[in-house]
C-alpha atoms as a PDB file:
ATOM      1  CA  UNK A   1      -6.677  33.857 247.342  1.00  0.00           C
ATOM      2  CA  UNK A   2      -8.523  37.021 246.416  1.00  0.00           C
ATOM      3  CA  UNK A   3     -10.376  36.933 249.697  1.00  0.00           C
ATOM      4  CA  UNK A   4      -7.130  36.540 251.594  1.00  0.00           C
ATOM      5  CA  UNK A   5      -5.696  39.494 249.680  1.00  0.00           C
ATOM      6  CA  UNK A   6      -8.678  41.655 250.514  1.00  0.00           C
ATOM      7  CA  UNK A   7      -8.428  40.806 254.226  1.00  0.00           C
ATOM      8  CA  UNK A   8      -4.630  40.861 254.629  1.00  0.00           C
ATOM      9  CA  UNK A   9      -3.539  43.406 251.962  1.00  0.00           C
ATOM     10  CA  UNK A  10       0.175  43.666 251.567  1.00  0.00           C
ATOM     11  CA  UNK A  11       0.858  41.225 254.326  1.00  0.00           C
ATOM     12  CA  UNK A  12      -0.308  38.357 252.005  1.00  0.00           C
ATOM     13  CA  UNK A  13       2.546  37.594 249.675  1.00  0.00           C
ATOM     14  CA  UNK A  14       3.071  35.166 246.858  1.00  0.00           C
ATOM     15  CA  UNK A  15       6.531  33.735 246.493  1.00  0.00           C
ATOM     16  CA  UNK A  16       6.564  31.593 243.267  1.00  0.00           C
ATOM     17  CA  UNK A  17       4.251  28.598 244.036  1.00  0.00           C
ATOM     18  CA  UNK A  18       3.741  29.316 247.703  1.00  0.00           C
ATOM     19  CA  UNK A  19       1.996  31.976 249.803  1.00  0.00           C
ATOM     20  CA  UNK A  20       3.315  33.644 252.967  1.00  0.00           C
ATOM     21  CA  UNK A  21       2.321  36.210 255.575  1.00  0.00           C
ATOM     22  CA  UNK A  22       4.541  39.114 256.487  1.00  0.00           C
ATOM     23  CA  UNK A  23       4.026  39.117 260.139  1.00  0.00           C
ATOM     24  CA  UNK A  24       5.545  42.523 260.633  1.00  0.00           C
ATOM     25  CA  UNK A  25       2.701  43.945 258.632  1.00  0.00           C
ATOM     26  CA  UNK A  26      -0.015  42.368 260.773  1.00  0.00           C
ATOM     27  CA  UNK A  27      -1.412  43.286 264.188  1.00  0.00           C
ATOM     28  CA  UNK A  28      -2.199  39.956 265.889  1.00  0.00           C
ATOM     29  CA  UNK A  29      -4.133  40.087 269.184  1.00  0.00           C
ATOM     30  CA  UNK A  30      -2.302  37.062 270.623  1.00  0.00           C
ATOM     31  CA  UNK A  31       1.109  38.746 269.895  1.00  0.00           C
ATOM     32  CA  UNK A  32      -0.199  41.844 271.706  1.00  0.00           C
ATOM     33  CA  UNK A  33      -1.403  39.706 274.602  1.00  0.00           C
ATOM     34  CA  UNK A  34       1.990  38.103 274.907  1.00  0.00           C
ATOM     35  CA  UNK A  35       3.651  41.477 274.864  1.00  0.00           C
ATOM     36  CA  UNK A  36       1.356  42.942 277.511  1.00  0.00           C
ATOM     37  CA  UNK A  37       1.833  39.933 279.859  1.00  0.00           C
ATOM     38  CA  UNK A  38       5.623  40.149 279.410  1.00  0.00           C
ATOM     39  CA  UNK A  39       5.609  43.859 280.152  1.00  0.00           C
ATOM     40  CA  UNK A  40       3.346  43.270 283.185  1.00  0.00           C
ATOM     41  CA  UNK A  41       5.817  40.692 284.525  1.00  0.00           C
ATOM     42  CA  UNK A  42       8.552  43.184 284.390  1.00  0.00           C
ATOM     43  CA  UNK A  43       6.735  45.787 286.534  1.00  0.00           C
ATOM     44  CA  UNK A  44       4.650  46.122 289.739  1.00  0.00           C
ATOM     45  CA  UNK A  45       1.770  47.969 291.342  1.00  0.00           C
ATOM     46  CA  UNK A  46      -0.440  50.350 289.342  1.00  0.00           C
ATOM     47  CA  UNK A  47       1.602  50.017 286.216  1.00  0.00           C
ATOM     48  CA  UNK A  48       1.330  46.220 286.320  1.00  0.00           C
ATOM     49  CA  UNK A  49      -2.448  46.494 286.901  1.00  0.00           C
ATOM     50  CA  UNK A  50      -2.885  48.749 283.946  1.00  0.00           C
ATOM     51  CA  UNK A  51      -0.993  46.345 281.674  1.00  0.00           C
ATOM     52  CA  UNK A  52      -3.029  43.400 282.885  1.00  0.00           C
ATOM     53  CA  UNK A  53      -6.245  45.231 282.334  1.00  0.00           C
ATOM     54  CA  UNK A  54      -5.146  46.206 278.797  1.00  0.00           C
ATOM     55  CA  UNK A  55      -4.473  42.443 278.219  1.00  0.00           C
ATOM     56  CA  UNK A  56      -7.967  41.630 279.421  1.00  0.00           C
ATOM     57  CA  UNK A  57      -9.462  44.189 277.157  1.00  0.00           C
ATOM     58  CA  UNK A  58      -8.250  42.106 274.152  1.00  0.00           C
ATOM     59  CA  UNK A  59     -10.658  39.290 275.139  1.00  0.00           C
ATOM     60  CA  UNK A  60     -14.005  39.539 273.267  1.00  0.00           C
ATOM     61  CA  UNK A  61     -16.563  36.759 273.568  1.00  0.00           C
ATOM     62  CA  UNK A  62     -15.482  33.125 273.585  1.00  0.00           C
ATOM     63  CA  UNK A  63     -12.012  32.487 272.090  1.00  0.00           C
ATOM     64  CA  UNK A  64     -12.212  30.795 268.640  1.00  0.00           C
ATOM     65  CA  UNK A  65     -15.988  30.584 268.856  1.00  0.00           C
ATOM     66  CA  UNK A  66     -17.584  28.603 266.037  1.00  0.00           C
ATOM     67  CA  UNK A  67     -14.370  26.967 264.910  1.00  0.00           C
ATOM     68  CA  UNK A  68     -14.983  23.221 264.869  1.00  0.00           C
ATOM     69  CA  UNK A  69     -11.480  21.797 264.707  1.00  0.00           C
ATOM     70  CA  UNK A  70      -9.400  19.617 267.033  1.00  0.00           C
ATOM     71  CA  UNK A  71      -6.687  22.258 267.484  1.00  0.00           C
ATOM     72  CA  UNK A  72      -9.271  24.931 268.331  1.00  0.00           C
ATOM     73  CA  UNK A  73     -10.721  23.244 271.452  1.00  0.00           C
ATOM     74  CA  UNK A  74      -7.268  22.870 273.055  1.00  0.00           C
ATOM     75  CA  UNK A  75      -6.357  26.436 272.179  1.00  0.00           C
ATOM     76  CA  UNK A  76      -9.710  27.643 273.527  1.00  0.00           C
ATOM     77  CA  UNK A  77      -8.996  25.903 276.836  1.00  0.00           C
ATOM     78  CA  UNK A  78      -5.447  27.392 276.911  1.00  0.00           C
ATOM     79  CA  UNK A  79      -6.806  30.967 276.224  1.00  0.00           C
ATOM     80  CA  UNK A  80      -9.529  30.598 278.942  1.00  0.00           C
ATOM     81  CA  UNK A  81      -6.928  29.431 281.486  1.00  0.00           C
ATOM     82  CA  UNK A  82      -4.733  32.376 280.484  1.00  0.00           C
ATOM     83  CA  UNK A  83      -7.653  34.775 280.901  1.00  0.00           C
ATOM     84  CA  UNK A  84      -8.482  33.228 284.310  1.00  0.00           C
ATOM     85  CA  UNK A  85      -4.815  33.753 285.386  1.00  0.00           C
ATOM     86  CA  UNK A  86      -4.774  37.348 284.253  1.00  0.00           C
ATOM     87  CA  UNK A  87      -8.068  38.104 285.954  1.00  0.00           C
ATOM     88  CA  UNK A  88      -6.711  36.595 289.210  1.00  0.00           C
ATOM     89  CA  UNK A  89      -3.458  38.478 289.083  1.00  0.00           C
ATOM     90  CA  UNK A  90      -5.260  41.774 288.333  1.00  0.00           C
ATOM     91  CA  UNK A  91      -7.858  41.027 291.114  1.00  0.00           C
ATOM     92  CA  UNK A  92      -4.953  40.468 293.592  1.00  0.00           C
ATOM     93  CA  UNK A  93      -3.480  43.868 292.710  1.00  0.00           C
ATOM     94  CA  UNK A  94      -6.902  45.507 293.150  1.00  0.00           C
ATOM     95  CA  UNK A  95      -7.264  43.845 296.510  1.00  0.00           C
ATOM     96  CA  UNK A  96      -3.913  44.956 297.722  1.00  0.00           C
ATOM     97  CA  UNK A  97      -4.657  48.545 296.638  1.00  0.00           C
ATOM     98  CA  UNK A  98      -7.853  48.474 298.690  1.00  0.00           C
ATOM     99  CA  UNK A  99     -10.287  48.045 295.791  1.00  0.00           C
ATOM    100  CA  UNK A 100     -12.204  45.043 297.228  1.00  0.00           C
ATOM    101  CA  UNK A 101     -15.236  45.424 294.900  1.00  0.00           C
ATOM    102  CA  UNK A 102     -12.962  45.439 291.909  1.00  0.00           C
ATOM    103  CA  UNK A 103     -11.114  42.386 293.249  1.00  0.00           C
ATOM    104  CA  UNK A 104     -14.321  40.573 293.776  1.00  0.00           C
ATOM    105  CA  UNK A 105     -15.464  41.286 290.119  1.00  0.00           C
ATOM    106  CA  UNK A 106     -12.218  39.902 288.815  1.00  0.00           C
ATOM    107  CA  UNK A 107     -12.347  36.851 291.136  1.00  0.00           C
ATOM    108  CA  UNK A 108     -15.888  36.048 290.123  1.00  0.00           C
ATOM    109  CA  UNK A 109     -15.124  36.421 286.401  1.00  0.00           C
ATOM    110  CA  UNK A 110     -12.091  34.094 286.745  1.00  0.00           C
ATOM    111  CA  UNK A 111     -14.236  31.578 288.732  1.00  0.00           C
ATOM    112  CA  UNK A 112     -16.916  31.649 286.033  1.00  0.00           C
ATOM    113  CA  UNK A 113     -14.316  30.432 283.449  1.00  0.00           C
ATOM    114  CA  UNK A 114     -13.323  27.381 285.848  1.00  0.00           C
ATOM    115  CA  UNK A 115     -15.322  26.823 288.965  1.00  0.00           C
ATOM    116  CA  UNK A 116     -12.676  24.319 290.169  1.00  0.00           C
ATOM    117  CA  UNK A 117      -9.820  26.745 290.069  1.00  0.00           C
ATOM    118  CA  UNK A 118      -9.036  27.478 293.709  1.00  0.00           C
ATOM    119  CA  UNK A 119      -6.966  30.706 293.210  1.00  0.00           C
ATOM    120  CA  UNK A 120      -9.805  32.879 291.908  1.00  0.00           C
ATOM    121  CA  UNK A 121     -12.093  31.377 294.625  1.00  0.00           C
ATOM    122  CA  UNK A 122      -9.518  32.304 297.219  1.00  0.00           C
ATOM    123  CA  UNK A 123      -9.348  35.824 295.813  1.00  0.00           C
ATOM    124  CA  UNK A 124     -13.116  36.139 295.820  1.00  0.00           C
ATOM    125  CA  UNK A 125     -13.270  34.895 299.466  1.00  0.00           C
ATOM    126  CA  UNK A 126     -10.712  37.409 300.525  1.00  0.00           C
ATOM    127  CA  UNK A 127     -12.538  40.264 298.746  1.00  0.00           C
ATOM    128  CA  UNK A 128     -15.883  39.106 300.378  1.00  0.00           C
ATOM    129  CA  UNK A 129     -14.148  39.166 303.764  1.00  0.00           C
ATOM    130  CA  UNK A 130     -12.703  42.636 303.123  1.00  0.00           C
ATOM    131  CA  UNK A 131     -16.279  43.805 302.290  1.00  0.00           C
ATOM    132  CA  UNK A 132     -17.552  42.259 305.586  1.00  0.00           C
ATOM    133  CA  UNK A 133     -19.539  39.584 303.762  1.00  0.00           C
ATOM    134  CA  UNK A 134     -19.088  36.613 306.080  1.00  0.00           C
ATOM    135  CA  UNK A 135     -21.999  34.578 304.601  1.00  0.00           C
ATOM    136  CA  UNK A 136     -20.622  35.139 301.026  1.00  0.00           C
ATOM    137  CA  UNK A 137     -17.258  33.656 302.185  1.00  0.00           C
ATOM    138  CA  UNK A 138     -19.087  30.570 303.549  1.00  0.00           C
ATOM    139  CA  UNK A 139     -21.183  30.226 300.432  1.00  0.00           C
ATOM    140  CA  UNK A 140     -18.234  30.657 298.068  1.00  0.00           C
ATOM    141  CA  UNK A 141     -16.169  28.059 299.911  1.00  0.00           C
ATOM    142  CA  UNK A 142     -19.061  25.560 299.938  1.00  0.00           C
ATOM    143  CA  UNK A 143     -19.648  26.148 296.168  1.00  0.00           C
ATOM    144  CA  UNK A 144     -15.889  25.434 295.513  1.00  0.00           C
ATOM    145  CA  UNK A 145     -16.036  22.332 297.743  1.00  0.00           C
ATOM    146  CA  UNK A 146     -19.045  20.941 295.888  1.00  0.00           C
ATOM    147  CA  UNK A 147     -17.449  21.742 292.434  1.00  0.00           C
ATOM    148  CA  UNK A 148     -14.216  19.932 293.385  1.00  0.00           C
ATOM    149  CA  UNK A 149     -16.048  16.971 294.797  1.00  0.00           C
ATOM    150  CA  UNK A 150     -18.405  16.553 291.868  1.00  0.00           C
ATOM    151  CA  UNK A 151     -15.805  17.033 289.171  1.00  0.00           C
ATOM    152  CA  UNK A 152     -12.800  15.359 290.659  1.00  0.00           C
ATOM    153  CA  UNK A 153     -13.783  13.698 293.990  1.00  0.00           C
ATOM    154  CA  UNK A 154     -11.362  16.090 295.692  1.00  0.00           C
ATOM    155  CA  UNK A 155     -11.533  18.529 298.610  1.00  0.00           C
ATOM    156  CA  UNK A 156     -10.221  22.033 298.588  1.00  0.00           C
ATOM    157  CA  UNK A 157      -6.394  22.263 299.217  1.00  0.00           C
ATOM    158  CA  UNK A 158      -4.906  22.740 302.557  1.00  0.00           C
ATOM    159  CA  UNK A 159      -4.085  26.353 301.597  1.00  0.00           C
ATOM    160  CA  UNK A 160      -7.706  27.130 300.696  1.00  0.00           C
ATOM    161  CA  UNK A 161      -8.980  25.501 303.953  1.00  0.00           C
ATOM    162  CA  UNK A 162      -6.518  27.537 306.023  1.00  0.00           C
ATOM    163  CA  UNK A 163      -7.574  30.724 304.297  1.00  0.00           C
ATOM    164  CA  UNK A 164     -11.219  29.872 304.911  1.00  0.00           C
ATOM    165  CA  UNK A 165     -10.645  29.283 308.636  1.00  0.00           C
ATOM    166  CA  UNK A 166      -8.571  32.433 308.954  1.00  0.00           C
ATOM    167  CA  UNK A 167     -11.218  34.562 307.245  1.00  0.00           C
ATOM    168  CA  UNK A 168     -13.944  33.177 309.418  1.00  0.00           C
ATOM    169  CA  UNK A 169     -11.884  33.572 312.602  1.00  0.00           C
ATOM    170  CA  UNK A 170     -11.541  37.266 311.915  1.00  0.00           C
ATOM    171  CA  UNK A 171     -14.856  37.499 313.757  1.00  0.00           C
ATOM    172  CA  UNK A 172     -16.670  40.523 312.619  1.00  0.00           C
ATOM    173  CA  UNK A 173     -15.178  40.572 309.110  1.00  0.00           C
ATOM    174  CA  UNK A 174     -14.770  44.353 309.008  1.00  0.00           C
ATOM    175  CA  UNK A 175     -14.858  46.385 305.793  1.00  0.00           C
ATOM    176  CA  UNK A 176     -11.433  47.000 304.285  1.00  0.00           C
ATOM    177  CA  UNK A 177     -10.192  50.594 304.697  1.00  0.00           C
ATOM    178  CA  UNK A 178     -10.907  52.747 301.611  1.00  0.00           C
ATOM    179  CA  UNK A 179      -7.510  53.521 300.185  1.00  0.00           C
ATOM    180  CA  UNK A 180      -8.665  55.642 297.326  1.00  0.00           C
ATOM    181  CA  UNK A 181     -10.802  53.073 295.569  1.00  0.00           C
ATOM    182  CA  UNK A 182     -10.614  53.649 291.900  1.00  0.00           C
ATOM    183  CA  UNK A 183     -13.674  54.536 289.856  1.00  0.00           C
ATOM    184  CA  UNK A 184     -13.725  52.508 286.654  1.00  0.00           C
ATOM    185  CA  UNK A 185     -16.284  53.566 284.177  1.00  0.00           C
ATOM    186  CA  UNK A 186     -15.819  50.222 282.409  1.00  0.00           C
ATOM    187  CA  UNK A 187     -13.866  47.159 283.419  1.00  0.00           C
ATOM    188  CA  UNK A 188     -12.280  44.560 281.151  1.00  0.00           C
ATOM    189  CA  UNK A 189     -14.466  42.002 283.018  1.00  0.00           C
ATOM    190  CA  UNK A 190     -17.423  43.526 281.158  1.00  0.00           C
ATOM    191  CA  UNK A 191     -15.767  42.834 277.757  1.00  0.00           C
ATOM    192  CA  UNK A 192     -15.216  39.097 277.511  1.00  0.00           C
ATOM    193  CA  UNK A 193     -12.481  37.020 275.280  1.00  0.00           C
ATOM    194  CA  UNK A 194     -10.073  37.042 272.269  1.00  0.00           C
ATOM    195  CA  UNK A 195     -11.727  35.818 269.228  1.00  0.00           C
ATOM    196  CA  UNK A 196     -15.589  36.085 268.728  1.00  0.00           C
END
């Protein structure tokens, strides 16, 4: 109890024979993550991107690393899936704003969390195409195809196959126009996941 009091201060309260936490006195990263995601859903464009990047900045290392409990592994999977989703959404916004290198970084980071998730792979292929990297598009598609086959005995979805064909049919795969590509001194991709 004394350790809990040292860590939690006034937020740790005793009420007769029980103990309780005063949540209003605590800053909890998961609460902040939920707030940022909710705020991002209510906006668009640069403001949405900024909120998603703030959400990504909350992730440090592997979530719940070192906790050996049944509940922790499922929560860890949930948080990694959530992180991959935020990375993919932020990457899409970067791609639409003309920041193909930033989109590629986010797509690759999301794919690293789950190599069988097609949405980040699609984003990375689109970013590679925008950068004129035809061979990278082919390599990324083949990597996804192998991952899906080895893990689940599946092929990429019809949507992914269509995207792949469309990107290759663009011929010369020209570089995306530079629409004021942002200079980011540090991206949230460089600072991994909640917990740790």
